[in-house]
Every structure is written in C-alpha cells, then in structure tokens.
Amino acid sequence: MAIAAAAPAAAEPARDEATGLSVEPPAGYAVRKAEGDPRYAVVYAVQKQGEEDTGCKIAFQPTPPTAGSPALSQDDINAFTRKKEWTDLVRATLALRYEVAAVEPFEHQGLMGAEVVADFKPVEGEEKPPEVRSYLVVMDTPKGRTTIVCVGDKAGFAARRGEFEAIARSVTPR
C-alpha cells in the first residue's frame, strides 16, 4: 500500500478591484480582508491557521491628489528609493516606534522599495512590548504606497523570515 503525503493546499488569492492590490499567499497561509486605519483603502491579513497575534498585514494607502503638479512616474519613484536619503527616511520614520536592525533595498515586479527588520521600542508607562520581531516592506507606485508588516515570535523569527519574504513577494501592489 502506498502512502501519499499531502502537500499544503494552495491558498485562495484576494484582489481589491478599486485599488488593484492583490495577494496570492504561499501554501499554508490564508488571506482575508481586515480592519485597518481609515487612511488605508484596503487592508489584508495573511496568517497561518490558528494565528492571532502573528502573521502579516498588507495595506494600500492611495497617493493624495496633487493640485497642478504631475504625479511622479515609477522610474522617478524607483530612482529616489535607490538613494541613501530614502533609506535614512525609512529608518528615521520607523525609529519613532521601533529599534531598527536593518533597512535593505527590496525589488519586486519592477518596483524598488525598502525591506526592514525591527523590534518594538519600549514606551515609558506602557507594558513591555511583546517578544516579537517585525519584518516590514514599503513599496511606492504613482497610485500609492503598499505597506507589508509581518510579526513573528523573536525566538523563531529567523525561521519565519523566508516565509514573510514569500508573503511580501506574493503581493501585486498596483
């Protein structure tokens, strides 16, 4: 008698028609629409079955309309995100809330962005932050910004980082 090992089922993709943001999560993960900050047009949660406090959130924030000035092209955006000023800006912005361990370039589907590994900073007067580590990706297009925030237990983060990158690469940000 032959025993066949079952491969994890492929997850169902999700697409927001209004923004064009789509997510096709890797096997073992599920995607669902999630509640989010009102500045985001759409937010998805991507998690393994049974996860509550870990996994990823993917959000799209539209570019505000510009009065009288043309929108930047993707080439203009990519050129800026290749500069040290972009890396410094990402680091400084996230440093308000995180201890930033690394900011690296992230290239995906013709877009240049930033990939960040960071830990929550303790805030005076608040509970100690959970023992988690964050993996963040920020990508801009003329239509808006896609932000991916994945959180995993600090002790097992190294093992999950590849999964988080696979989730980031499952996103089509346009």
C-alpha atoms as a PDB file:
ATOM      1  CA  MET A   1       0.000   0.000   0.000  1.00  0.00           C
ATOM      2  CA  ALA A   2       1.389   3.417  -0.977  1.00  0.00           C
ATOM      3  CA  ILE A   3       1.022   6.372   1.330  1.00  0.00           C
ATOM      4  CA  ALA A   4       0.945   9.759  -0.340  1.00  0.00           C
ATOM      5  CA  ALA A   5       1.982  12.825   1.598  1.00  0.00           C
ATOM      6  CA  ALA A   6      -0.476  15.620   1.123  1.00  0.00           C
ATOM      7  CA  ALA A   7       1.041  18.929   0.108  1.00  0.00           C
ATOM      8  CA  PRO A   8      -0.387  22.016   1.780  1.00  0.00           C
ATOM      9  CA  ALA A   9      -3.314  23.326  -0.200  1.00  0.00           C
ATOM     10  CA  ALA A  10      -2.741  26.415  -2.277  1.00  0.00           C
ATOM     11  CA  ALA A  11      -4.285  29.460  -0.665  1.00  0.00           C
ATOM     12  CA  GLU A  12      -7.041  31.391  -2.386  1.00  0.00           C
ATOM     13  CA  PRO A  13      -5.837  34.735  -3.769  1.00  0.00           C
ATOM     14  CA  ALA A  14      -7.502  38.043  -2.926  1.00  0.00           C
ATOM     15  CA  ARG A  15      -7.839  41.161  -5.083  1.00  0.00           C
ATOM     16  CA  ASP A  16      -9.253  44.579  -4.323  1.00  0.00           C
ATOM     17  CA  GLU A  17     -10.813  45.834  -7.549  1.00  0.00           C
ATOM     18  CA  ALA A  18     -10.815  49.505  -6.503  1.00  0.00           C
ATOM     19  CA  THR A  19      -7.051  49.692  -5.851  1.00  0.00           C
ATOM     20  CA  GLY A  20      -5.703  46.756  -7.850  1.00  0.00           C
ATOM     21  CA  LEU A  21      -3.887  45.404  -4.783  1.00  0.00           C
ATOM     22  CA  SER A  22      -3.763  41.631  -4.898  1.00  0.00           C
ATOM     23  CA  VAL A  23      -2.293  38.950  -2.658  1.00  0.00           C
ATOM     24  CA  GLU A  24      -1.653  35.337  -3.570  1.00  0.00           C
ATOM     25  CA  PRO A  25      -0.343  33.904  -0.302  1.00  0.00           C
ATOM     26  CA  PRO A  26       2.041  30.961  -0.207  1.00  0.00           C
ATOM     27  CA  ALA A  27       0.819  27.490   0.729  1.00  0.00           C
ATOM     28  CA  GLY A  28      -0.065  27.179   4.394  1.00  0.00           C
ATOM     29  CA  TYR A  29      -1.319  30.770   4.642  1.00  0.00           C
ATOM     30  CA  ALA A  30      -4.784  32.263   4.197  1.00  0.00           C
ATOM     31  CA  VAL A  31      -5.680  35.825   3.236  1.00  0.00           C
ATOM     32  CA  ARG A  32      -8.722  37.779   4.393  1.00  0.00           C
ATOM     33  CA  LYS A  33      -9.811  41.411   4.413  1.00  0.00           C
ATOM     34  CA  ALA A  34      -9.067  43.043   7.748  1.00  0.00           C
ATOM     35  CA  GLU A  35      -9.996  46.159   9.661  1.00  0.00           C
ATOM     36  CA  GLY A  36      -7.440  48.911   9.408  1.00  0.00           C
ATOM     37  CA  ASP A  37      -6.603  52.532   9.890  1.00  0.00           C
ATOM     38  CA  PRO A  38      -9.005  54.716   7.848  1.00  0.00           C
ATOM     39  CA  ARG A  39      -6.123  56.192   5.821  1.00  0.00           C
ATOM     40  CA  TYR A  40      -5.806  52.817   4.073  1.00  0.00           C
ATOM     41  CA  ALA A  41      -8.127  51.963   1.191  1.00  0.00           C
ATOM     42  CA  VAL A  42      -7.747  48.230   1.841  1.00  0.00           C
ATOM     43  CA  VAL A  43      -6.070  46.007   4.438  1.00  0.00           C
ATOM     44  CA  TYR A  44      -5.485  42.256   4.201  1.00  0.00           C
ATOM     45  CA  ALA A  45      -4.358  39.850   6.919  1.00  0.00           C
ATOM     46  CA  VAL A  46      -2.222  36.882   5.848  1.00  0.00           C
ATOM     47  CA  GLN A  47      -1.804  34.234   8.523  1.00  0.00           C
ATOM     48  CA  LYS A  48      -1.372  30.549   9.163  1.00  0.00           C
ATOM     49  CA  GLN A  49      -4.414  28.773  10.536  1.00  0.00           C
ATOM     50  CA  GLY A  50      -4.724  29.422  14.272  1.00  0.00           C
ATOM     51  CA  GLU A  51      -2.516  32.535  14.324  1.00  0.00           C
ATOM     52  CA  GLU A  52      -3.883  35.587  16.065  1.00  0.00           C
ATOM     53  CA  ASP A  53      -1.045  37.892  17.103  1.00  0.00           C
ATOM     54  CA  THR A  54       1.499  36.934  14.446  1.00  0.00           C
ATOM     55  CA  GLY A  55       1.445  36.866  10.655  1.00  0.00           C
ATOM     56  CA  CYS A  56       1.212  39.749   8.190  1.00  0.00           C
ATOM     57  CA  LYS A  57      -0.935  42.760   7.378  1.00  0.00           C
ATOM     58  CA  ILE A  58      -0.821  44.247   3.901  1.00  0.00           C
ATOM     59  CA  ALA A  59      -2.260  47.722   3.371  1.00  0.00           C
ATOM     60  CA  PHE A  60      -2.629  50.160   0.486  1.00  0.00           C
ATOM     61  CA  GLN A  61      -2.680  53.918   1.028  1.00  0.00           C
ATOM     62  CA  PRO A  62      -3.635  55.943  -2.067  1.00  0.00           C
ATOM     63  CA  THR A  63      -1.458  58.857  -3.127  1.00  0.00           C
ATOM     64  CA  PRO A  64      -3.306  62.087  -2.358  1.00  0.00           C
ATOM     65  CA  PRO A  65      -4.303  64.070  -5.445  1.00  0.00           C
ATOM     66  CA  THR A  66      -1.800  66.754  -6.405  1.00  0.00           C
ATOM     67  CA  ALA A  67      -3.166  70.116  -7.450  1.00  0.00           C
ATOM     68  CA  GLY A  68      -1.395  71.411 -10.529  1.00  0.00           C
ATOM     69  CA  SER A  69       1.702  69.202 -10.380  1.00  0.00           C
ATOM     70  CA  PRO A  70       2.109  65.965 -12.322  1.00  0.00           C
ATOM     71  CA  ALA A  71       2.348  62.683 -10.440  1.00  0.00           C
ATOM     72  CA  LEU A  72       5.762  61.072 -10.187  1.00  0.00           C
ATOM     73  CA  SER A  73       6.469  58.255 -12.621  1.00  0.00           C
ATOM     74  CA  GLN A  74       7.501  54.792 -11.431  1.00  0.00           C
ATOM     75  CA  ASP A  75      11.003  55.500 -12.767  1.00  0.00           C
ATOM     76  CA  ASP A  76      11.162  58.684 -10.636  1.00  0.00           C
ATOM     77  CA  ILE A  77       9.993  56.783  -7.554  1.00  0.00           C
ATOM     78  CA  ASN A  78      12.441  53.925  -8.141  1.00  0.00           C
ATOM     79  CA  ALA A  79      15.323  56.378  -8.635  1.00  0.00           C
ATOM     80  CA  PHE A  80      14.589  58.036  -5.281  1.00  0.00           C
ATOM     81  CA  THR A  81      14.201  54.753  -3.402  1.00  0.00           C
ATOM     82  CA  ARG A  82      17.673  53.714  -4.574  1.00  0.00           C
ATOM     83  CA  LYS A  83      19.208  56.710  -2.769  1.00  0.00           C
ATOM     84  CA  LYS A  84      20.645  56.753   0.738  1.00  0.00           C
ATOM     85  CA  GLU A  85      18.161  59.542   1.588  1.00  0.00           C
ATOM     86  CA  TRP A  86      15.304  57.056   1.146  1.00  0.00           C
ATOM     87  CA  THR A  87      16.925  54.517   3.461  1.00  0.00           C
ATOM     88  CA  ASP A  88      17.599  57.268   6.015  1.00  0.00           C
ATOM     89  CA  LEU A  89      13.987  58.478   5.777  1.00  0.00           C
ATOM     90  CA  VAL A  90      12.576  54.973   6.279  1.00  0.00           C
ATOM     91  CA  ARG A  91      14.904  54.359   9.231  1.00  0.00           C
ATOM     92  CA  ALA A  92      14.087  57.726  10.869  1.00  0.00           C
ATOM     93  CA  THR A  93      10.336  57.316  10.411  1.00  0.00           C
ATOM     94  CA  LEU A  94      10.278  53.808  11.856  1.00  0.00           C
ATOM     95  CA  ALA A  95      12.697  54.731  14.669  1.00  0.00           C
ATOM     96  CA  LEU A  96       9.836  56.590  16.339  1.00  0.00           C
ATOM     97  CA  ARG A  97       8.301  53.224  17.231  1.00  0.00           C
ATOM     98  CA  TYR A  98      10.950  50.592  16.503  1.00  0.00           C
ATOM     99  CA  GLU A  99      14.559  49.682  17.195  1.00  0.00           C
ATOM    100  CA  VAL A 100      15.523  49.306  13.526  1.00  0.00           C
ATOM    101  CA  ALA A 101      18.028  46.486  12.982  1.00  0.00           C
ATOM    102  CA  ALA A 102      18.307  46.673   9.180  1.00  0.00           C
ATOM    103  CA  VAL A 103      16.983  48.551   6.153  1.00  0.00           C
ATOM    104  CA  GLU A 104      17.745  46.936   2.791  1.00  0.00           C
ATOM    105  CA  PRO A 105      16.578  47.524  -0.793  1.00  0.00           C
ATOM    106  CA  PHE A 106      13.596  45.416  -1.874  1.00  0.00           C
ATOM    107  CA  GLU A 107      12.976  44.927  -5.594  1.00  0.00           C
ATOM    108  CA  HIS A 108       9.707  43.364  -6.716  1.00  0.00           C
ATOM    109  CA  GLN A 109       7.840  43.403 -10.039  1.00  0.00           C
ATOM    110  CA  GLY A 110       9.765  46.428 -11.316  1.00  0.00           C
ATOM    111  CA  LEU A 111       9.330  48.381  -8.087  1.00  0.00           C
ATOM    112  CA  MET A 112      12.076  49.448  -5.706  1.00  0.00           C
ATOM    113  CA  GLY A 113      11.229  49.651  -2.041  1.00  0.00           C
ATOM    114  CA  ALA A 114      12.643  49.007   1.394  1.00  0.00           C
ATOM    115  CA  GLU A 115      12.796  45.848   3.500  1.00  0.00           C
ATOM    116  CA  VAL A 116      13.152  46.412   7.255  1.00  0.00           C
ATOM    117  CA  VAL A 117      13.750  44.206  10.286  1.00  0.00           C
ATOM    118  CA  ALA A 118      12.880  45.884  13.589  1.00  0.00           C
ATOM    119  CA  ASP A 119      11.788  45.355  17.190  1.00  0.00           C
ATOM    120  CA  PHE A 120       9.171  47.408  19.033  1.00  0.00           C
ATOM    121  CA  LYS A 121      10.657  50.025  21.355  1.00  0.00           C
ATOM    122  CA  PRO A 122       9.595  50.051  24.983  1.00  0.00           C
ATOM    123  CA  VAL A 123       7.378  53.028  25.754  1.00  0.00           C
ATOM    124  CA  GLU A 124       7.612  54.595  29.180  1.00  0.00           C
ATOM    125  CA  GLY A 125       4.474  53.964  31.195  1.00  0.00           C
ATOM    126  CA  GLU A 126       3.262  51.129  28.949  1.00  0.00           C
ATOM    127  CA  GLU A 127       3.566  47.371  29.228  1.00  0.00           C
ATOM    128  CA  LYS A 128       6.783  45.845  27.960  1.00  0.00           C
ATOM    129  CA  PRO A 129       6.438  45.176  24.218  1.00  0.00           C
ATOM    130  CA  PRO A 130       5.854  41.549  23.255  1.00  0.00           C
ATOM    131  CA  GLU A 131       8.853  39.378  22.378  1.00  0.00           C
ATOM    132  CA  VAL A 132       8.229  39.714  18.661  1.00  0.00           C
ATOM    133  CA  ARG A 133      10.257  40.916  15.701  1.00  0.00           C
ATOM    134  CA  SER A 134       8.807  42.736  12.703  1.00  0.00           C
ATOM    135  CA  TYR A 135       9.561  42.351   9.008  1.00  0.00           C
ATOM    136  CA  LEU A 136       8.318  45.340   7.018  1.00  0.00           C
ATOM    137  CA  VAL A 137       8.293  46.150   3.309  1.00  0.00           C
ATOM    138  CA  VAL A 138       7.353  49.528   1.840  1.00  0.00           C
ATOM    139  CA  MET A 139       6.756  49.962  -1.908  1.00  0.00           C
ATOM    140  CA  ASP A 140       5.504  53.083  -3.667  1.00  0.00           C
ATOM    141  CA  THR A 141       3.826  53.477  -7.041  1.00  0.00           C
ATOM    142  CA  PRO A 142       2.237  56.552  -8.629  1.00  0.00           C
ATOM    143  CA  LYS A 143      -1.112  55.218  -7.315  1.00  0.00           C
ATOM    144  CA  GLY A 144       0.017  54.884  -3.692  1.00  0.00           C
ATOM    145  CA  ARG A 145       2.001  53.053  -1.040  1.00  0.00           C
ATOM    146  CA  THR A 146       1.786  49.365  -0.205  1.00  0.00           C
ATOM    147  CA  THR A 147       2.989  48.526   3.294  1.00  0.00           C
ATOM    148  CA  ILE A 148       3.562  44.972   4.477  1.00  0.00           C
ATOM    149  CA  VAL A 149       4.081  44.349   8.189  1.00  0.00           C
ATOM    150  CA  CYS A 150       4.799  40.812   9.363  1.00  0.00           C
ATOM    151  CA  VAL A 151       5.269  39.930  13.017  1.00  0.00           C
ATOM    152  CA  GLY A 152       6.718  36.724  14.428  1.00  0.00           C
ATOM    153  CA  ASP A 153       7.966  35.494  17.769  1.00  0.00           C
ATOM    154  CA  LYS A 154      11.516  36.761  18.245  1.00  0.00           C
ATOM    155  CA  ALA A 155      12.819  33.288  19.139  1.00  0.00           C
ATOM    156  CA  GLY A 156      11.579  31.783  15.855  1.00  0.00           C
ATOM    157  CA  PHE A 157      11.943  34.832  13.624  1.00  0.00           C
ATOM    158  CA  ALA A 158      14.957  33.576  11.660  1.00  0.00           C
ATOM    159  CA  ALA A 159      12.983  30.501  10.617  1.00  0.00           C
ATOM    160  CA  ARG A 160       9.941  32.576   9.566  1.00  0.00           C
ATOM    161  CA  ARG A 161      11.727  35.392   7.780  1.00  0.00           C
ATOM    162  CA  GLY A 162      11.774  33.460   4.491  1.00  0.00           C
ATOM    163  CA  GLU A 163       8.016  32.888   4.817  1.00  0.00           C
ATOM    164  CA  PHE A 164       7.459  36.602   5.430  1.00  0.00           C
ATOM    165  CA  GLU A 165       9.507  37.497   2.357  1.00  0.00           C
ATOM    166  CA  ALA A 166       7.458  34.989   0.320  1.00  0.00           C
ATOM    167  CA  ILE A 167       4.291  36.748   1.517  1.00  0.00           C
ATOM    168  CA  ALA A 168       5.735  40.137   0.518  1.00  0.00           C
ATOM    169  CA  ARG A 169       6.564  38.736  -2.909  1.00  0.00           C
ATOM    170  CA  SER A 170       3.012  37.367  -3.248  1.00  0.00           C
ATOM    171  CA  VAL A 171       1.690  40.937  -3.331  1.00  0.00           C
ATOM    172  CA  THR A 172       0.914  42.799  -6.548  1.00  0.00           C
ATOM    173  CA  PRO A 173       0.882  46.417  -5.408  1.00  0.00           C
ATOM    174  CA  ARG A 174      -0.768  48.118  -8.377  1.00  0.00           C
END
